[in-house]
C-alpha atoms as a PDB file:
ATOM      1  CA  UNK A   1      -4.906 -21.785 -11.096  1.00  0.00           C
ATOM      2  CA  UNK A   2      -8.564 -21.459 -10.048  1.00  0.00           C
ATOM      3  CA  UNK A   3     -11.747 -22.422 -11.939  1.00  0.00           C
ATOM      4  CA  UNK A   4     -14.937 -20.679 -11.891  1.00  0.00           C
ATOM      5  CA  UNK A   5     -17.325 -22.221  -9.404  1.00  0.00           C
ATOM      6  CA  UNK A   6     -14.358 -23.477  -7.157  1.00  0.00           C
ATOM      7  CA  UNK A   7     -13.797 -22.272  -4.122  1.00  0.00           C
ATOM      8  CA  UNK A   8     -10.452 -20.756  -2.008  1.00  0.00           C
ATOM      9  CA  UNK A   9     -10.066 -21.192   1.802  1.00  0.00           C
ATOM     10  CA  UNK A  10      -7.841 -18.512   2.822  1.00  0.00           C
ATOM     11  CA  UNK A  11      -6.344 -19.586   6.945  1.00  0.00           C
ATOM     12  CA  UNK A  12      -4.939 -17.165   9.792  1.00  0.00           C
ATOM     13  CA  UNK A  13      -1.578 -18.500   9.531  1.00  0.00           C
ATOM     14  CA  UNK A  14       0.558 -20.261   7.281  1.00  0.00           C
ATOM     15  CA  UNK A  15       0.796 -23.542  10.178  1.00  0.00           C
ATOM     16  CA  UNK A  16      -3.254 -23.797   9.898  1.00  0.00           C
ATOM     17  CA  UNK A  17      -3.267 -23.712   6.552  1.00  0.00           C
ATOM     18  CA  UNK A  18      -0.547 -26.795   6.636  1.00  0.00           C
ATOM     19  CA  UNK A  19      -3.225 -28.321   8.904  1.00  0.00           C
ATOM     20  CA  UNK A  20      -5.810 -27.826   7.065  1.00  0.00           C
ATOM     21  CA  UNK A  21      -3.992 -29.336   4.231  1.00  0.00           C
ATOM     22  CA  UNK A  22      -2.967 -32.205   5.821  1.00  0.00           C
ATOM     23  CA  UNK A  23      -6.747 -33.027   7.790  1.00  0.00           C
ATOM     24  CA  UNK A  24      -8.258 -32.710   4.533  1.00  0.00           C
ATOM     25  CA  UNK A  25      -5.982 -34.913   2.728  1.00  0.00           C
ATOM     26  CA  UNK A  26      -6.428 -37.492   5.505  1.00  0.00           C
ATOM     27  CA  UNK A  27     -10.123 -37.329   5.074  1.00  0.00           C
ATOM     28  CA  UNK A  28      -9.002 -38.073   1.179  1.00  0.00           C
ATOM     29  CA  UNK A  29     -10.767 -34.954  -0.331  1.00  0.00           C
ATOM     30  CA  UNK A  30      -9.436 -33.251  -3.483  1.00  0.00           C
ATOM     31  CA  UNK A  31      -7.931 -30.138  -2.550  1.00  0.00           C
ATOM     32  CA  UNK A  32      -5.170 -28.693  -3.441  1.00  0.00           C
ATOM     33  CA  UNK A  33      -2.657 -25.918  -1.643  1.00  0.00           C
ATOM     34  CA  UNK A  34      -2.197 -23.217  -3.724  1.00  0.00           C
ATOM     35  CA  UNK A  35      -1.060 -19.652  -3.728  1.00  0.00           C
ATOM     36  CA  UNK A  36      -3.376 -16.896  -2.818  1.00  0.00           C
ATOM     37  CA  UNK A  37      -4.894 -15.896  -5.792  1.00  0.00           C
ATOM     38  CA  UNK A  38      -2.894 -11.563  -6.445  1.00  0.00           C
ATOM     39  CA  UNK A  39      -7.003 -10.443  -6.586  1.00  0.00           C
ATOM     40  CA  UNK A  40      -6.995 -11.554  -2.717  1.00  0.00           C
ATOM     41  CA  UNK A  41      -4.662 -11.199   0.416  1.00  0.00           C
ATOM     42  CA  UNK A  42      -3.481 -13.333   3.256  1.00  0.00           C
ATOM     43  CA  UNK A  43      -0.494 -12.871   5.344  1.00  0.00           C
ATOM     44  CA  UNK A  44       0.660 -16.265   4.996  1.00  0.00           C
ATOM     45  CA  UNK A  45      -0.091 -16.667   1.190  1.00  0.00           C
ATOM     46  CA  UNK A  46      -1.268 -19.989   0.792  1.00  0.00           C
ATOM     47  CA  UNK A  47      -4.803 -21.139   0.634  1.00  0.00           C
ATOM     48  CA  UNK A  48      -6.709 -24.255  -0.261  1.00  0.00           C
ATOM     49  CA  UNK A  49      -8.589 -24.763  -3.874  1.00  0.00           C
ATOM     50  CA  UNK A  50     -11.770 -27.294  -3.784  1.00  0.00           C
ATOM     51  CA  UNK A  51     -14.886 -27.561  -5.650  1.00  0.00           C
ATOM     52  CA  UNK A  52     -18.358 -25.412  -3.896  1.00  0.00           C
ATOM     53  CA  UNK A  53     -19.902 -29.496  -3.671  1.00  0.00           C
ATOM     54  CA  UNK A  54     -17.608 -30.311  -0.697  1.00  0.00           C
ATOM     55  CA  UNK A  55     -17.864 -27.166   1.243  1.00  0.00           C
ATOM     56  CA  UNK A  56     -19.828 -28.769   3.288  1.00  0.00           C
ATOM     57  CA  UNK A  57     -17.460 -31.163   4.228  1.00  0.00           C
ATOM     58  CA  UNK A  58     -14.687 -29.766   3.983  1.00  0.00           C
ATOM     59  CA  UNK A  59     -16.292 -27.195   6.679  1.00  0.00           C
ATOM     60  CA  UNK A  60     -17.501 -30.110   8.754  1.00  0.00           C
ATOM     61  CA  UNK A  61     -14.069 -31.830   8.835  1.00  0.00           C
ATOM     62  CA  UNK A  62     -12.300 -28.767   9.795  1.00  0.00           C
ATOM     63  CA  UNK A  63     -14.467 -27.764  12.492  1.00  0.00           C
ATOM     64  CA  UNK A  64     -14.095 -31.339  14.094  1.00  0.00           C
ATOM     65  CA  UNK A  65     -10.565 -30.956  14.312  1.00  0.00           C
ATOM     66  CA  UNK A  66     -10.655 -27.312  15.372  1.00  0.00           C
ATOM     67  CA  UNK A  67     -10.134 -24.813  12.326  1.00  0.00           C
ATOM     68  CA  UNK A  68     -11.942 -22.806  11.038  1.00  0.00           C
ATOM     69  CA  UNK A  69     -11.626 -21.143   7.205  1.00  0.00           C
ATOM     70  CA  UNK A  70     -10.911 -17.179   7.987  1.00  0.00           C
ATOM     71  CA  UNK A  71     -12.257 -16.281   4.592  1.00  0.00           C
ATOM     72  CA  UNK A  72     -13.720 -18.012   2.023  1.00  0.00           C
ATOM     73  CA  UNK A  73     -13.857 -17.400  -1.834  1.00  0.00           C
ATOM     74  CA  UNK A  74     -15.741 -18.528  -5.118  1.00  0.00           C
ATOM     75  CA  UNK A  75     -14.216 -17.867  -8.467  1.00  0.00           C
ATOM     76  CA  UNK A  76     -17.000 -16.565 -10.508  1.00  0.00           C
ATOM     77  CA  UNK A  77     -15.979 -15.277 -14.626  1.00  0.00           C
ATOM     78  CA  UNK A  78     -12.419 -13.024 -13.560  1.00  0.00           C
ATOM     79  CA  UNK A  79     -13.604 -12.443 -10.031  1.00  0.00           C
ATOM     80  CA  UNK A  80     -13.593 -13.412  -6.902  1.00  0.00           C
ATOM     81  CA  UNK A  81     -17.201 -13.550  -4.839  1.00  0.00           C
ATOM     82  CA  UNK A  82     -16.701 -13.488  -1.422  1.00  0.00           C
ATOM     83  CA  UNK A  83     -18.488 -16.088   0.900  1.00  0.00           C
ATOM     84  CA  UNK A  84     -17.455 -15.562   4.298  1.00  0.00           C
ATOM     85  CA  UNK A  85     -15.652 -12.980   5.925  1.00  0.00           C
ATOM     86  CA  UNK A  86     -13.389 -12.340   9.269  1.00  0.00           C
END
């Protein structure tokens, strides 16, 4: 589901992840709403997956809308590396 190098963004609530998805899709970014991978935990159960090359653009777009990613992880081999923690 998540390929090596891709990022997974986790938010505080289901409402925020859905709002983030809407904002990013309106900005025509290539993102996908996915279930949070088993290796990661989240109360809302959903996350946004995107290519690492889009990180700056995704964070800037969400910040402009008043949203912040709670946790950001990158898939490497068979694990996830935490890039941003709460």
